[in-house]
């Protein structure tokens, strides 16, 4: 019985040693694969950062320009309505009502445009950061992955 225990122990050691060798081989293959692919993956990540932020900038500018055009059109429409009403009822229409409407429209426009403008500026800063300091972008991305488990 002691002989069987020794043989079982030796066979277990052989299996464990073989498993460890296979595992070490897999780790080495994985390391080599990662090291071979890392430069291409890094370049693709930096390209994605530039492209996604460029899209954000373009959409932000389109929204800002579109809202300003709608605002200008609305102001012109409001002025023409005011002139028509004032011509018809020159004593019954008070000019200060139009001024309060204009102030309200401008305040709403600023409230809507400000976040879009800020996000567009942040996207421009990110594009510049990728172009000027790509290693910093990679370090920030790696630290985000370590903290949160996902890419930023």
N, C-alpha and C. Protein backbone atom coordinates (compact mmCIF):
# COMPACT_ATOMS: atom_id res chain seq x y z
N UNK A 1 0.82 -1.19 0.00
CA UNK A 1 0.00 0.00 0.00
C UNK A 1 0.87 1.25 0.00
N UNK A 2 1.96 1.23 0.72
CA UNK A 2 2.86 2.37 0.73
C UNK A 2 3.46 2.58 -0.65
N UNK A 3 3.69 1.43 -1.34
CA UNK A 3 4.25 1.51 -2.69
C UNK A 3 3.26 2.19 -3.65
N UNK A 4 1.98 1.85 -3.52
CA UNK A 4 0.95 2.46 -4.36
C UNK A 4 0.85 3.96 -4.08
N UNK A 5 0.97 4.35 -2.83
CA UNK A 5 0.90 5.76 -2.45
C UNK A 5 2.07 6.52 -3.05
N UNK A 6 3.26 5.92 -3.05
CA UNK A 6 4.43 6.57 -3.63
C UNK A 6 4.26 6.72 -5.14
N UNK A 7 3.74 5.67 -5.80
CA UNK A 7 3.51 5.74 -7.25
C UNK A 7 2.45 6.79 -7.58
N UNK A 8 1.38 6.85 -6.80
CA UNK A 8 0.33 7.85 -7.01
C UNK A 8 0.88 9.25 -6.81
N UNK A 9 1.71 9.41 -5.80
CA UNK A 9 2.32 10.71 -5.54
C UNK A 9 3.25 11.13 -6.67
N UNK A 10 4.02 10.19 -7.20
CA UNK A 10 4.92 10.49 -8.32
C UNK A 10 4.13 10.81 -9.58
N UNK A 11 3.07 10.06 -9.86
CA UNK A 11 2.25 10.34 -11.04
C UNK A 11 1.54 11.69 -10.90
N UNK A 12 1.10 12.01 -9.67
CA UNK A 12 0.48 13.31 -9.43
C UNK A 12 1.49 14.43 -9.68
N UNK A 13 2.71 14.25 -9.20
CA UNK A 13 3.76 15.24 -9.42
C UNK A 13 4.07 15.39 -10.90
N UNK A 14 4.08 14.27 -11.63
CA UNK A 14 4.33 14.33 -13.08
C UNK A 14 3.21 15.09 -13.79
N UNK A 15 1.97 14.82 -13.41
CA UNK A 15 0.83 15.51 -14.02
C UNK A 15 0.88 17.00 -13.67
N UNK A 16 1.17 17.32 -12.42
CA UNK A 16 1.24 18.72 -12.00
C UNK A 16 2.36 19.44 -12.72
N UNK A 17 3.52 18.76 -12.88
CA UNK A 17 4.65 19.37 -13.59
C UNK A 17 4.31 19.61 -15.05
N UNK A 18 3.65 18.66 -15.67
CA UNK A 18 3.25 18.80 -17.09
C UNK A 18 2.22 19.93 -17.24
N UNK A 19 1.27 20.01 -16.32
CA UNK A 19 0.27 21.08 -16.35
C UNK A 19 0.93 22.44 -16.17
N UNK A 20 1.88 22.51 -15.25
CA UNK A 20 2.60 23.77 -15.02
C UNK A 20 3.38 24.18 -16.27
N UNK A 21 4.03 23.23 -16.94
CA UNK A 21 4.78 23.52 -18.17
C UNK A 21 3.84 24.02 -19.26
N UNK A 22 2.67 23.39 -19.40
CA UNK A 22 1.69 23.84 -20.40
C UNK A 22 1.20 25.25 -20.09
N UNK A 23 0.95 25.50 -18.81
CA UNK A 23 0.49 26.82 -18.39
C UNK A 23 1.55 27.87 -18.65
N UNK A 24 2.81 27.56 -18.33
CA UNK A 24 3.91 28.50 -18.57
C UNK A 24 4.06 28.75 -20.07
N UNK A 25 3.91 27.72 -20.88
CA UNK A 25 3.98 27.90 -22.34
C UNK A 25 2.87 28.80 -22.84
N UNK A 26 1.66 28.62 -22.29
CA UNK A 26 0.53 29.47 -22.69
C UNK A 26 0.76 30.91 -22.30
N UNK A 27 1.29 31.12 -21.11
CA UNK A 27 1.57 32.48 -20.65
C UNK A 27 2.61 33.14 -21.55
N UNK A 28 3.64 32.41 -21.92
CA UNK A 28 4.68 32.96 -22.80
C UNK A 28 4.11 33.28 -24.16
N UNK A 29 3.26 32.40 -24.71
CA UNK A 29 2.63 32.66 -26.01
C UNK A 29 1.73 33.90 -25.93
N UNK A 30 0.98 34.02 -24.86
CA UNK A 30 0.11 35.18 -24.69
C UNK A 30 0.92 36.46 -24.58
N UNK A 31 2.00 36.42 -23.81
CA UNK A 31 2.87 37.58 -23.67
C UNK A 31 3.44 38.00 -25.02
N UNK A 32 3.92 37.04 -25.79
CA UNK A 32 4.47 37.34 -27.12
C UNK A 32 3.41 37.93 -28.04
N UNK A 33 2.20 37.38 -27.98
CA UNK A 33 1.12 37.90 -28.82
C UNK A 33 0.80 39.35 -28.44
N UNK A 34 0.69 39.61 -27.13
CA UNK A 34 0.38 40.96 -26.67
C UNK A 34 1.48 41.93 -27.07
N UNK A 35 2.72 41.54 -26.91
CA UNK A 35 3.83 42.43 -27.26
C UNK A 35 3.89 42.68 -28.76
N UNK A 36 3.54 41.69 -29.56
CA UNK A 36 3.54 41.88 -31.02
C UNK A 36 2.39 42.78 -31.47
N UNK A 37 1.25 42.69 -30.79
CA UNK A 37 0.07 43.45 -31.20
C UNK A 37 -0.02 44.82 -30.54
N UNK A 38 0.72 45.07 -29.48
CA UNK A 38 0.59 46.30 -28.71
C UNK A 38 0.77 47.57 -29.54
N UNK A 39 1.80 47.70 -30.39
CA UNK A 39 1.94 48.95 -31.13
C UNK A 39 0.74 49.25 -32.04
N UNK A 40 0.20 48.22 -32.68
CA UNK A 40 -0.95 48.44 -33.56
C UNK A 40 -2.19 48.80 -32.75
N UNK A 41 -2.38 48.14 -31.61
CA UNK A 41 -3.53 48.44 -30.76
C UNK A 41 -3.44 49.86 -30.22
N UNK A 42 -2.24 50.27 -29.80
CA UNK A 42 -2.05 51.63 -29.29
C UNK A 42 -2.36 52.66 -30.38
N UNK A 43 -1.87 52.42 -31.58
CA UNK A 43 -2.12 53.35 -32.68
C UNK A 43 -3.61 53.42 -33.01
N UNK A 44 -4.28 52.28 -33.01
CA UNK A 44 -5.73 52.27 -33.27
C UNK A 44 -6.49 53.01 -32.18
N UNK A 45 -6.08 52.85 -30.92
CA UNK A 45 -6.75 53.57 -29.83
C UNK A 45 -6.58 55.07 -29.98
N UNK A 46 -5.36 55.51 -30.30
CA UNK A 46 -5.13 56.95 -30.48
C UNK A 46 -5.90 57.49 -31.67
N UNK A 47 -5.95 56.72 -32.77
CA UNK A 47 -6.74 57.13 -33.93
C UNK A 47 -8.22 57.26 -33.55
N UNK A 48 -8.72 56.30 -32.77
CA UNK A 48 -10.12 56.36 -32.35
C UNK A 48 -10.37 57.60 -31.49
N UNK A 49 -9.45 57.93 -30.60
CA UNK A 49 -9.61 59.13 -29.77
C UNK A 49 -9.73 60.38 -30.65
N UNK A 50 -8.87 60.50 -31.64
CA UNK A 50 -8.91 61.67 -32.53
C UNK A 50 -10.21 61.69 -33.32
N UNK A 51 -10.59 60.56 -33.89
CA UNK A 51 -11.79 60.53 -34.74
C UNK A 51 -13.05 60.79 -33.92
N UNK A 52 -13.18 60.16 -32.76
CA UNK A 52 -14.40 60.36 -31.97
C UNK A 52 -14.51 61.80 -31.47
N UNK A 53 -13.39 62.40 -31.08
CA UNK A 53 -13.44 63.80 -30.64
C UNK A 53 -13.68 64.74 -31.80
N UNK A 54 -13.17 64.41 -32.98
CA UNK A 54 -13.44 65.23 -34.17
C UNK A 54 -14.93 65.19 -34.51
N UNK A 55 -15.53 64.01 -34.39
CA UNK A 55 -16.97 63.90 -34.62
C UNK A 55 -17.73 64.74 -33.60
N UNK A 56 -17.31 64.69 -32.34
CA UNK A 56 -17.96 65.52 -31.31
C UNK A 56 -17.85 67.00 -31.64
N UNK A 57 -16.67 67.44 -32.09
CA UNK A 57 -16.48 68.85 -32.44
C UNK A 57 -17.39 69.23 -33.60
N UNK A 58 -17.44 68.40 -34.63
CA UNK A 58 -18.28 68.70 -35.79
C UNK A 58 -19.75 68.78 -35.41
N UNK A 59 -20.22 67.81 -34.63
CA UNK A 59 -21.62 67.84 -34.20
C UNK A 59 -21.91 69.04 -33.32
N UNK A 60 -20.97 69.39 -32.45
CA UNK A 60 -21.16 70.57 -31.61
C UNK A 60 -21.24 71.84 -32.42
N UNK A 61 -20.35 71.97 -33.40
CA UNK A 61 -20.39 73.17 -34.25
C UNK A 61 -21.66 73.23 -35.09
N UNK A 62 -22.10 72.08 -35.60
CA UNK A 62 -23.35 72.05 -36.37
C UNK A 62 -24.52 72.48 -35.48
N UNK A 63 -24.57 71.96 -34.25
CA UNK A 63 -25.65 72.35 -33.34
C UNK A 63 -25.59 73.84 -33.00
N UNK A 64 -24.39 74.33 -32.72
CA UNK A 64 -24.26 75.75 -32.38
C UNK A 64 -24.69 76.63 -33.55
N UNK A 65 -24.18 76.34 -34.73
CA UNK A 65 -24.54 77.14 -35.91
C UNK A 65 -26.03 77.02 -36.21
N UNK A 66 -26.56 75.80 -36.12
CA UNK A 66 -27.99 75.60 -36.37
C UNK A 66 -28.86 76.37 -35.39
N UNK A 67 -28.52 76.31 -34.12
CA UNK A 67 -29.30 77.05 -33.12
C UNK A 67 -29.19 78.56 -33.32
N UNK A 68 -28.00 79.03 -33.69
CA UNK A 68 -27.86 80.46 -33.94
C UNK A 68 -28.67 80.90 -35.16
N UNK A 69 -28.71 80.06 -36.20
CA UNK A 69 -29.52 80.39 -37.38
C UNK A 69 -31.01 80.41 -37.05
N UNK A 70 -31.46 79.42 -36.26
CA UNK A 70 -32.86 79.40 -35.84
C UNK A 70 -33.16 80.61 -34.97
N UNK A 71 -32.22 80.97 -34.09
CA UNK A 71 -32.39 82.14 -33.24
C UNK A 71 -32.52 83.40 -34.09
N UNK A 72 -31.63 83.55 -35.07
CA UNK A 72 -31.67 84.74 -35.95
C UNK A 72 -32.98 84.78 -36.72
N UNK A 73 -33.40 83.63 -37.23
CA UNK A 73 -34.67 83.57 -37.97
C UNK A 73 -35.82 83.95 -37.04
N UNK A 74 -35.81 83.43 -35.80
CA UNK A 74 -36.87 83.73 -34.85
C UNK A 74 -36.90 85.21 -34.48
N UNK A 75 -35.74 85.82 -34.32
CA UNK A 75 -35.68 87.25 -33.99
C UNK A 75 -36.25 88.06 -35.15
N UNK A 76 -35.86 87.72 -36.36
CA UNK A 76 -36.40 88.45 -37.52
C UNK A 76 -37.91 88.27 -37.64
N UNK A 77 -38.39 87.05 -37.39
CA UNK A 77 -39.83 86.79 -37.45
C UNK A 77 -40.55 87.58 -36.36
N UNK A 78 -39.96 87.63 -35.18
CA UNK A 78 -40.56 88.37 -34.07
C UNK A 78 -40.60 89.87 -34.38
N UNK A 79 -39.54 90.39 -34.99
CA UNK A 79 -39.52 91.81 -35.35
C UNK A 79 -40.57 92.13 -36.40
N UNK A 80 -40.72 91.23 -37.39
CA UNK A 80 -41.72 91.50 -38.42
C UNK A 80 -43.13 91.41 -37.83
N UNK A 81 -43.36 90.46 -36.92
CA UNK A 81 -44.66 90.39 -36.26
C UNK A 81 -44.90 91.66 -35.44
N UNK A 82 -43.87 92.12 -34.75
CA UNK A 82 -43.99 93.33 -33.95
C UNK A 82 -44.33 94.53 -34.84
N UNK A 83 -43.63 94.65 -35.96
CA UNK A 83 -43.90 95.78 -36.86
C UNK A 83 -45.31 95.72 -37.41
N UNK A 84 -45.79 94.52 -37.77
CA UNK A 84 -47.16 94.40 -38.29
C UNK A 84 -48.19 94.76 -37.23
N UNK A 85 -47.99 94.26 -36.01
CA UNK A 85 -48.93 94.59 -34.94
C UNK A 85 -48.87 96.07 -34.58
N UNK A 86 -47.69 96.64 -34.56
CA UNK A 86 -47.54 98.04 -34.19
C UNK A 86 -48.15 98.95 -35.25
N UNK A 87 -48.01 98.56 -36.50
CA UNK A 87 -48.62 99.37 -37.57
C UNK A 87 -50.13 99.36 -37.47
N UNK A 88 -50.70 98.18 -37.15
CA UNK A 88 -52.16 98.08 -37.10
C UNK A 88 -52.73 98.72 -35.84
N UNK A 89 -52.07 98.51 -34.74
CA UNK A 89 -52.58 98.98 -33.46
C UNK A 89 -51.49 99.79 -32.76
N UNK A 90 -51.16 100.91 -33.29
CA UNK A 90 -49.99 101.64 -32.82
C UNK A 90 -50.15 102.13 -31.38
N UNK A 91 -51.34 102.34 -30.92
CA UNK A 91 -51.51 102.79 -29.55
C UNK A 91 -51.74 101.61 -28.59
N UNK A 92 -52.21 100.50 -29.09
CA UNK A 92 -52.60 99.40 -28.22
C UNK A 92 -51.44 98.43 -27.94
N UNK A 93 -50.34 98.55 -28.65
CA UNK A 93 -49.25 97.59 -28.51
C UNK A 93 -48.08 98.25 -27.81
N UNK A 94 -47.59 97.63 -26.75
CA UNK A 94 -46.52 98.21 -25.97
C UNK A 94 -45.19 97.57 -26.37
N UNK A 95 -44.18 98.42 -26.62
CA UNK A 95 -42.89 97.91 -27.08
C UNK A 95 -42.17 97.07 -26.02
N UNK A 96 -42.40 97.31 -24.76
CA UNK A 96 -41.64 96.60 -23.73
C UNK A 96 -41.97 95.11 -23.71
N UNK A 97 -43.14 94.69 -24.16
CA UNK A 97 -43.47 93.26 -24.23
C UNK A 97 -42.48 92.54 -25.15
N UNK A 98 -42.17 93.14 -26.27
CA UNK A 98 -41.24 92.55 -27.23
C UNK A 98 -39.84 92.44 -26.61
N UNK A 99 -39.44 93.39 -25.85
CA UNK A 99 -38.12 93.39 -25.23
C UNK A 99 -37.99 92.23 -24.23
N UNK A 100 -39.04 91.98 -23.44
CA UNK A 100 -38.99 90.87 -22.48
C UNK A 100 -38.95 89.52 -23.18
N UNK A 101 -39.66 89.40 -24.29
CA UNK A 101 -39.62 88.16 -25.07
C UNK A 101 -38.21 87.95 -25.62
N UNK A 102 -37.59 89.01 -26.11
CA UNK A 102 -36.23 88.91 -26.66
C UNK A 102 -35.25 88.49 -25.56
N UNK A 103 -35.38 89.06 -24.37
CA UNK A 103 -34.50 88.69 -23.27
C UNK A 103 -34.70 87.21 -22.91
N UNK A 104 -35.93 86.76 -22.86
CA UNK A 104 -36.22 85.36 -22.56
C UNK A 104 -35.64 84.42 -23.59
N UNK A 105 -35.78 84.77 -24.87
CA UNK A 105 -35.22 83.94 -25.93
C UNK A 105 -33.70 83.88 -25.81
N UNK A 106 -33.07 85.01 -25.54
CA UNK A 106 -31.61 85.03 -25.40
C UNK A 106 -31.12 84.20 -24.21
N UNK A 107 -31.84 84.27 -23.10
CA UNK A 107 -31.46 83.49 -21.92
C UNK A 107 -31.58 81.99 -22.21
N UNK A 108 -32.67 81.60 -22.85
CA UNK A 108 -32.86 80.19 -23.20
C UNK A 108 -31.77 79.74 -24.17
N UNK A 109 -31.42 80.58 -25.12
CA UNK A 109 -30.37 80.25 -26.08
C UNK A 109 -29.03 80.04 -25.38
N UNK A 110 -28.71 80.90 -24.44
CA UNK A 110 -27.44 80.75 -23.69
C UNK A 110 -27.46 79.46 -22.87
N UNK A 111 -28.57 79.15 -22.24
CA UNK A 111 -28.68 77.94 -21.43
C UNK A 111 -28.51 76.70 -22.30
N UNK A 112 -29.04 76.71 -23.51
CA UNK A 112 -28.91 75.56 -24.41
C UNK A 112 -27.52 75.49 -25.04
N UNK A 113 -26.99 76.64 -25.45
CA UNK A 113 -25.71 76.64 -26.16
C UNK A 113 -24.50 76.42 -25.26
N UNK A 114 -24.55 76.84 -24.02
CA UNK A 114 -23.38 76.76 -23.15
C UNK A 114 -22.84 75.34 -22.98
N UNK A 115 -23.69 74.34 -22.64
CA UNK A 115 -23.14 72.98 -22.50
C UNK A 115 -22.58 72.43 -23.81
N UNK A 116 -23.23 72.75 -24.92
CA UNK A 116 -22.73 72.29 -26.22
C UNK A 116 -21.38 72.92 -26.50
N UNK A 117 -21.25 74.20 -26.22
CA UNK A 117 -20.00 74.90 -26.44
C UNK A 117 -18.88 74.33 -25.56
N UNK A 118 -19.17 74.07 -24.29
CA UNK A 118 -18.17 73.53 -23.37
C UNK A 118 -17.73 72.14 -23.82
N UNK A 119 -18.66 71.29 -24.21
CA UNK A 119 -18.31 69.94 -24.68
C UNK A 119 -17.47 70.02 -25.95
N UNK A 120 -17.77 70.95 -26.83
CA UNK A 120 -16.97 71.13 -28.04
C UNK A 120 -15.55 71.55 -27.70
N UNK A 121 -15.40 72.45 -26.76
CA UNK A 121 -14.06 72.88 -26.33
C UNK A 121 -13.29 71.71 -25.71
N UNK A 122 -13.95 70.90 -24.86
CA UNK A 122 -13.28 69.74 -24.28
C UNK A 122 -12.83 68.75 -25.35
N UNK A 123 -13.64 68.58 -26.38
CA UNK A 123 -13.26 67.67 -27.46
C UNK A 123 -12.06 68.21 -28.23
N UNK A 124 -12.01 69.50 -28.44
CA UNK A 124 -10.85 70.10 -29.11
C UNK A 124 -9.60 69.90 -28.25
N UNK A 125 -9.73 70.08 -26.95
CA UNK A 125 -8.59 69.87 -26.05
C UNK A 125 -8.12 68.42 -26.11
N UNK A 126 -9.06 67.46 -26.17
CA UNK A 126 -8.68 66.04 -26.27
C UNK A 126 -7.94 65.75 -27.57
N UNK A 127 -8.37 66.36 -28.67
CA UNK A 127 -7.66 66.16 -29.95
C UNK A 127 -6.25 66.69 -29.85
N UNK A 128 -6.09 67.86 -29.27
CA UNK A 128 -4.75 68.44 -29.11
C UNK A 128 -3.91 67.55 -28.20
N UNK A 129 -4.52 67.02 -27.12
CA UNK A 129 -3.78 66.16 -26.20
C UNK A 129 -3.29 64.89 -26.89
N UNK A 130 -4.11 64.29 -27.75
CA UNK A 130 -3.69 63.09 -28.47
C UNK A 130 -2.54 63.42 -29.42
N UNK A 131 -2.61 64.58 -30.05
CA UNK A 131 -1.55 64.95 -31.00
C UNK A 131 -0.25 65.34 -30.29
N UNK A 132 -0.35 66.01 -29.16
CA UNK A 132 0.84 66.52 -28.48
C UNK A 132 1.41 65.51 -27.48
N UNK A 133 0.55 64.83 -26.72
CA UNK A 133 1.02 63.95 -25.65
C UNK A 133 0.30 62.60 -25.70
N UNK A 134 0.58 61.77 -26.71
CA UNK A 134 -0.13 60.50 -26.81
C UNK A 134 0.14 59.55 -25.63
N UNK A 135 1.34 59.63 -25.05
CA UNK A 135 1.65 58.75 -23.91
C UNK A 135 0.77 59.11 -22.71
N UNK A 136 0.50 60.38 -22.53
CA UNK A 136 -0.38 60.81 -21.45
C UNK A 136 -1.79 60.24 -21.64
N UNK A 137 -2.27 60.26 -22.87
CA UNK A 137 -3.59 59.70 -23.17
C UNK A 137 -3.62 58.22 -22.83
N UNK A 138 -2.55 57.51 -23.20
CA UNK A 138 -2.48 56.07 -22.91
C UNK A 138 -2.42 55.81 -21.42
N UNK A 139 -1.65 56.60 -20.69
CA UNK A 139 -1.57 56.43 -19.23
C UNK A 139 -2.92 56.70 -18.59
N UNK A 140 -3.62 57.73 -19.04
CA UNK A 140 -4.95 58.03 -18.51
C UNK A 140 -5.92 56.89 -18.81
N UNK A 141 -5.84 56.33 -20.03
CA UNK A 141 -6.73 55.22 -20.40
C UNK A 141 -6.44 53.99 -19.55
N UNK A 142 -5.16 53.68 -19.35
CA UNK A 142 -4.80 52.51 -18.54
C UNK A 142 -5.24 52.71 -17.10
N UNK A 143 -5.05 53.92 -16.57
CA UNK A 143 -5.48 54.17 -15.19
C UNK A 143 -6.99 54.08 -15.06
N UNK A 144 -7.73 54.50 -16.08
CA UNK A 144 -9.19 54.39 -16.06
C UNK A 144 -9.61 52.93 -16.10
N UNK A 145 -8.92 52.12 -16.90
CA UNK A 145 -9.23 50.70 -16.96
C UNK A 145 -8.96 50.04 -15.62
N UNK A 146 -7.86 50.39 -14.97
CA UNK A 146 -7.52 49.81 -13.67
C UNK A 146 -8.56 50.19 -12.62
N UNK A 147 -9.00 51.46 -12.63
CA UNK A 147 -9.96 51.93 -11.61
C UNK A 147 -11.37 51.44 -11.88
N UNK A 148 -11.82 51.51 -13.17
CA UNK A 148 -13.22 51.28 -13.49
C UNK A 148 -13.47 50.01 -14.29
N UNK A 149 -12.45 49.45 -14.87
CA UNK A 149 -12.62 48.20 -15.62
C UNK A 149 -13.05 48.40 -17.08
N UNK A 150 -13.20 49.64 -17.52
CA UNK A 150 -13.59 49.91 -18.91
C UNK A 150 -12.75 51.06 -19.44
N UNK A 151 -12.72 51.16 -20.76
CA UNK A 151 -12.03 52.30 -21.38
C UNK A 151 -12.87 53.55 -21.19
N UNK A 152 -12.22 54.72 -21.13
CA UNK A 152 -12.98 55.98 -20.96
C UNK A 152 -13.81 56.29 -22.19
